[in-house]
Protein backbone atom coordinates (compact mmCIF):
# COMPACT_ATOMS: atom_id res chain seq x y z
CA UNK A 1 3.92 21.26 2.22
CA UNK A 2 0.68 20.65 0.82
CA UNK A 3 -2.42 19.47 2.83
CA UNK A 4 -5.21 17.73 1.09
CA UNK A 5 -8.69 16.83 2.59
CA UNK A 6 -8.10 13.11 2.84
CA UNK A 7 -5.02 13.69 5.70
CA UNK A 8 -8.08 14.91 7.74
CA UNK A 9 -10.49 12.02 7.42
CA UNK A 10 -10.53 10.21 10.57
CA UNK A 11 -12.15 6.62 11.88
CA UNK A 12 -13.73 8.36 15.22
CA UNK A 13 -14.82 11.64 14.85
CA UNK A 14 -14.97 12.37 18.33
CA UNK A 15 -11.96 11.43 19.06
CA UNK A 16 -8.92 13.70 20.05
CA UNK A 17 -6.41 11.67 18.86
CA UNK A 18 -4.40 12.79 15.12
CA UNK A 19 -5.50 10.35 12.57
CA UNK A 20 -2.24 8.03 12.68
CA UNK A 21 -3.37 7.28 15.85
CA UNK A 22 -6.76 6.68 15.25
CA UNK A 23 -6.01 4.08 12.36
CA UNK A 24 -3.78 2.31 14.57
CA UNK A 25 -6.66 1.31 16.77
CA UNK A 26 -9.56 0.90 14.60
CA UNK A 27 -6.75 -1.76 12.62
CA UNK A 28 -5.75 -3.51 16.14
CA UNK A 29 -9.86 -3.96 16.62
CA UNK A 30 -10.66 -5.29 13.31
CA UNK A 31 -7.66 -7.14 12.84
CA UNK A 32 -9.79 -10.75 13.79
CA UNK A 33 -11.69 -10.31 11.22
CA UNK A 34 -9.46 -8.08 8.54
CA UNK A 35 -8.66 -11.27 5.89
CA UNK A 36 -12.71 -12.75 6.15
CA UNK A 37 -13.93 -9.11 5.50
CA UNK A 38 -11.32 -8.02 2.50
CA UNK A 39 -11.97 -11.65 0.63
CA UNK A 40 -15.95 -11.34 1.35
CA UNK A 41 -16.30 -7.46 0.74
CA UNK A 42 -14.19 -7.72 -2.45
CA UNK A 43 -15.19 -10.92 -4.04
CA UNK A 44 -11.66 -12.34 -4.17
CA UNK A 45 -11.25 -9.64 -6.49
CA UNK A 46 -8.22 -7.99 -4.40
CA UNK A 47 -6.45 -11.17 -5.41
CA UNK A 48 -6.40 -10.19 -8.79
CA UNK A 49 -5.28 -6.71 -7.68
CA UNK A 50 -2.31 -7.74 -5.50
CA UNK A 51 -1.06 -10.02 -8.91
CA UNK A 52 -0.83 -7.03 -11.25
CA UNK A 53 0.81 -5.13 -8.90
CA UNK A 54 3.16 -7.66 -8.07
CA UNK A 55 4.10 -8.00 -11.93
CA UNK A 56 4.70 -4.77 -11.93
CA UNK A 57 8.07 -5.59 -9.62
CA UNK A 58 9.44 -8.67 -12.05
CA UNK A 59 12.01 -5.95 -13.55
CA UNK A 60 13.34 -3.10 -11.57
CA UNK A 61 16.28 -1.07 -12.84
CA UNK A 62 18.57 -2.06 -9.97
CA UNK A 63 22.21 -0.15 -10.35
CA UNK A 64 25.06 -2.00 -10.70
CA UNK A 65 28.53 -1.24 -11.33
CA UNK A 66 30.36 -2.28 -14.65
CA UNK A 67 33.86 -1.07 -15.87
CA UNK A 68 34.52 0.50 -18.81
CA UNK A 69 37.87 1.77 -20.33
CA UNK A 70 39.19 0.78 -16.54
CA UNK A 71 36.73 3.19 -14.93
CA UNK A 72 34.05 2.55 -12.49
CA UNK A 73 30.17 3.15 -14.01
CA UNK A 74 26.66 2.96 -12.87
CA UNK A 75 24.59 1.13 -15.18
CA UNK A 76 20.41 -0.06 -14.58
CA UNK A 77 20.48 -3.65 -14.86
CA UNK A 78 16.80 -4.49 -14.92
CA UNK A 79 16.37 -7.90 -12.47
CA UNK A 80 13.94 -8.99 -10.35
CA UNK A 81 13.86 -6.37 -6.83
CA UNK A 82 16.41 -8.47 -4.36
CA UNK A 83 15.09 -6.09 -1.39
CA UNK A 84 11.37 -5.06 -1.31
CA UNK A 85 9.71 -3.25 1.58
CA UNK A 86 5.78 -3.55 1.56
CA UNK A 87 4.45 -0.08 3.59
CA UNK A 88 1.16 -0.51 5.51
CA UNK A 89 1.26 -4.34 5.34
CA UNK A 90 -0.90 -5.25 7.26
CA UNK A 91 -1.53 -8.95 8.34
CA UNK A 92 0.94 -9.72 5.22
CA UNK A 93 -1.29 -10.46 2.49
CA UNK A 94 1.35 -8.64 -0.05
CA UNK A 95 4.44 -10.22 1.46
CA UNK A 96 3.21 -13.31 1.30
CA UNK A 97 2.45 -13.32 -2.49
CA UNK A 98 5.56 -11.70 -3.04
CA UNK A 99 7.22 -14.63 -2.20
CA UNK A 100 5.49 -16.67 -4.53
CA UNK A 101 6.00 -14.27 -7.52
CA UNK A 102 9.35 -12.99 -6.81
CA UNK A 103 11.02 -15.88 -5.34
CA UNK A 104 14.82 -14.25 -4.72
CA UNK A 105 13.34 -11.22 -2.91
CA UNK A 106 13.63 -10.72 0.88
CA UNK A 107 11.23 -8.50 2.39
CA UNK A 108 10.11 -6.57 4.88
CA UNK A 109 6.92 -5.45 5.60
CA UNK A 110 6.21 -2.56 8.10
CA UNK A 111 2.53 -1.25 9.63
CA UNK A 112 1.26 1.03 12.67
CA UNK A 113 -1.03 -1.50 14.05
CA UNK A 114 0.79 -4.19 15.91
CA UNK A 115 -2.68 -6.24 15.89
CA UNK A 116 -2.68 -6.45 12.40
CA UNK A 117 1.26 -7.78 12.57
CA UNK A 118 0.32 -10.10 15.07
CA UNK A 119 -1.83 -12.05 12.65
CA UNK A 120 0.60 -11.36 9.79
CA UNK A 121 3.47 -13.09 11.69
CA UNK A 122 1.10 -16.19 12.71
CA UNK A 123 0.49 -16.46 8.87
CA UNK A 124 3.86 -16.29 7.83
CA UNK A 125 4.91 -18.82 10.99
CA UNK A 126 2.08 -21.57 9.75
CA UNK A 127 3.52 -21.25 6.08
CA UNK A 128 7.40 -21.19 7.06
CA UNK A 129 8.48 -18.00 5.22
CA UNK A 130 10.13 -16.68 8.19
CA UNK A 131 13.56 -16.50 6.36
CA UNK A 132 11.71 -14.47 3.29
CA UNK A 133 9.75 -11.85 5.38
CA UNK A 134 10.07 -9.94 8.03
CA UNK A 135 7.65 -7.73 9.76
CA UNK A 136 8.10 -4.68 12.30
CA UNK A 137 6.18 -2.10 13.58
CA UNK A 138 6.70 1.05 11.22
CA UNK A 139 5.23 4.39 10.12
CA UNK A 140 5.36 5.37 6.09
CA UNK A 141 6.19 9.05 7.23
CA UNK A 142 9.41 7.79 9.25
CA UNK A 143 10.95 4.80 7.61
CA UNK A 144 13.98 3.48 9.65
CA UNK A 145 15.80 2.36 7.23
CA UNK A 146 18.72 4.16 5.60
CA UNK A 147 18.34 5.99 2.33
CA UNK A 148 18.84 3.92 -0.92
CA UNK A 149 17.66 0.75 0.77
CA UNK A 150 15.22 -0.87 -0.99
CA UNK A 151 14.81 -2.08 -4.53
CA UNK A 152 11.12 -1.63 -4.61
CA UNK A 153 8.04 -0.49 -2.25
CA UNK A 154 4.69 -1.79 -2.31
CA UNK A 155 1.76 -0.13 -0.42
CA UNK A 156 -1.56 -1.67 -1.37
CA UNK A 157 -4.49 -0.03 -0.13
CA UNK A 158 -2.49 1.59 2.38
CA UNK A 159 -1.82 5.67 1.28
CA UNK A 160 -5.16 6.63 2.16
CA UNK A 161 -4.47 5.92 5.96
CA UNK A 162 -1.14 8.20 5.57
CA UNK A 163 -1.67 11.38 7.74
CA UNK A 164 0.71 13.33 5.74
CA UNK A 165 0.41 11.93 2.04
CA UNK A 166 3.38 13.83 0.72
CA UNK A 167 5.71 13.03 3.72
CA UNK A 168 4.89 9.55 3.23
CA UNK A 169 5.51 9.60 -0.58
CA UNK A 170 8.81 11.67 0.52
CA UNK A 171 9.93 8.85 2.77
CA UNK A 172 9.54 6.37 0.69
CA UNK A 173 11.41 7.74 -2.03
CA UNK A 174 14.49 8.03 0.35
CA UNK A 175 14.39 5.13 1.36
CA UNK A 176 14.12 3.78 -2.35
CA UNK A 177 17.81 2.92 -4.64
CA UNK A 178 18.17 4.97 -7.82
CA UNK A 179 16.07 2.82 -10.12
CA UNK A 180 13.88 1.83 -7.81
CA UNK A 181 10.09 1.29 -8.30
CA UNK A 182 7.07 2.24 -5.99
CA UNK A 183 4.13 0.36 -6.95
CA UNK A 184 0.57 1.46 -5.07
CA UNK A 185 -2.99 -0.49 -5.10
CA UNK A 186 -5.72 2.00 -3.82
CA UNK A 187 -9.31 2.05 -4.20
CA UNK A 188 -11.04 4.65 -6.51
CA UNK A 189 -14.08 5.43 -7.39
CA UNK A 190 -15.72 4.20 -11.18
CA UNK A 191 -16.32 6.70 -14.16
CA UNK A 192 -18.91 4.75 -15.55
CA UNK A 193 -22.32 6.04 -15.09
CA UNK A 194 -24.28 3.53 -13.30
CA UNK A 195 -21.05 2.03 -12.42
CA UNK A 196 -20.12 4.81 -9.96
CA UNK A 197 -23.99 5.14 -8.65
CA UNK A 198 -23.86 1.46 -7.24
CA UNK A 199 -20.33 1.27 -6.01
CA UNK A 200 -21.03 4.56 -4.01
CA UNK A 201 -23.98 2.91 -2.79
CA UNK A 202 -21.82 -0.15 -1.73
CA UNK A 203 -19.30 1.79 0.09
CA UNK A 204 -21.92 4.15 1.85
CA UNK A 205 -24.21 1.26 3.16
CA UNK A 206 -23.09 -2.13 2.59
CA UNK A 207 -19.87 -2.30 3.61
CA UNK A 208 -20.52 -0.67 6.68
CA UNK A 209 -22.92 -2.58 8.01
CA UNK A 210 -21.83 -5.55 7.04
CA UNK A 211 -18.21 -4.68 9.15
CA UNK A 212 -20.63 -4.27 12.17
CA UNK A 213 -22.16 -7.47 11.58
CA UNK A 214 -19.28 -9.37 11.27
CA UNK A 215 -16.20 -7.51 13.34
CA UNK A 216 -18.81 -5.14 15.58
CA UNK A 217 -16.90 -1.90 14.10
CA UNK A 218 -19.03 -0.11 11.62
CA UNK A 219 -16.67 2.68 12.10
CA UNK A 220 -13.87 1.47 10.18
CA UNK A 221 -15.72 0.83 6.95
CA UNK A 222 -17.88 3.94 7.20
CA UNK A 223 -13.91 5.31 7.01
CA UNK A 224 -13.57 3.32 4.16
CA UNK A 225 -16.27 4.85 2.38
CA UNK A 226 -15.00 8.43 4.02
CA UNK A 227 -11.37 7.96 2.90
CA UNK A 228 -11.86 6.58 -0.78
CA UNK A 229 -14.43 9.56 -1.54
CA UNK A 230 -11.85 12.06 -0.16
CA UNK A 231 -8.79 10.55 -1.87
CA UNK A 232 -7.10 12.40 -4.61
CA UNK A 233 -7.33 10.08 -7.30
CA UNK A 234 -6.21 9.21 -10.97
CA UNK A 235 -4.25 12.36 -12.15
CA UNK A 236 -4.30 14.26 -9.50
CA UNK A 237 -2.14 11.54 -7.45
CA UNK A 238 0.09 11.44 -10.18
CA UNK A 239 0.35 14.92 -9.84
CA UNK A 240 1.32 14.35 -6.38
CA UNK A 241 3.84 11.87 -7.30
CA UNK A 242 5.63 14.07 -9.47
CA UNK A 243 5.74 16.72 -7.22
CA UNK A 244 7.32 14.52 -4.38
CA UNK A 245 10.00 13.26 -6.94
CA UNK A 246 9.22 10.28 -8.81
CA UNK A 247 9.49 9.77 -12.08
CA UNK A 248 7.87 7.94 -14.99
CA UNK A 249 4.70 7.83 -13.32
CA UNK A 250 1.89 6.48 -14.51
CA UNK A 251 -1.78 4.97 -13.52
CA UNK A 252 -4.08 1.92 -14.72
CA UNK A 253 -7.44 1.52 -13.91
CA UNK A 254 -8.11 -1.86 -12.72
CA UNK A 255 -12.04 -3.75 -12.11
CA UNK A 256 -14.23 -0.78 -14.17
CA UNK A 257 -11.49 1.63 -12.23
CA UNK A 258 -12.64 0.48 -8.52
CA UNK A 259 -8.94 -0.12 -8.14
CA UNK A 260 -6.15 2.09 -9.15
CA UNK A 261 -2.62 1.22 -9.51
CA UNK A 262 -0.44 3.73 -9.47
CA UNK A 263 3.61 3.32 -10.37
CA UNK A 264 6.48 5.59 -9.92
CA UNK A 265 10.50 5.26 -10.33
CA UNK A 266 13.63 6.90 -7.84
């Protein structure tokens, strides 16, 4: 299994803990300000990105049985997913939005940060969505669900945090049903000259300093910069998805390629 440079990017360079433990500790520390910083640092455009990702889930090829000449056969029937797993769900923003656009779906969110999940549960309770969304502590690289369990899986800005990228992708593929779809949102770096330089400056200086002022945690937003720069984005990530077994993979650049939308099927 290949290792990638982003697998070794960690929030706390002096810590002896592994990436997974460091990421969980980092998000526990900033959970109380995470939603505010997300909206502020993105100018609210992350809401549009999430909507675009959910649009990809309006129809997935869920397997159904039909009878032809007296014998059952598996056919793929496009419809809204009945079950969705939201990996690295954080404070459940993606899961909550899915209830609006995919009303027929039951959503399970998993995350390694208990602090983020606590905030997510409070939001879900305020909105009365306990019957639609279940949150639980969970690791993308060891998902505690059986094979072929979910119609669809989403990851919004979480794959950069995987300690082992290929293991996480393979584990998500394992719990997807045949015909199911994986949809990933992840930060990327603009290609246009000028725009890229401004974006790099923003990630290197602006985001870490605002993060320090608002949440007293500069490391989290310095880690954002470092991990975005090291992530194998675009066609490189598509090749990794292909290698780990996904079919019909594709990437779409959003908002001058500040964000990328990746899709693949089982």
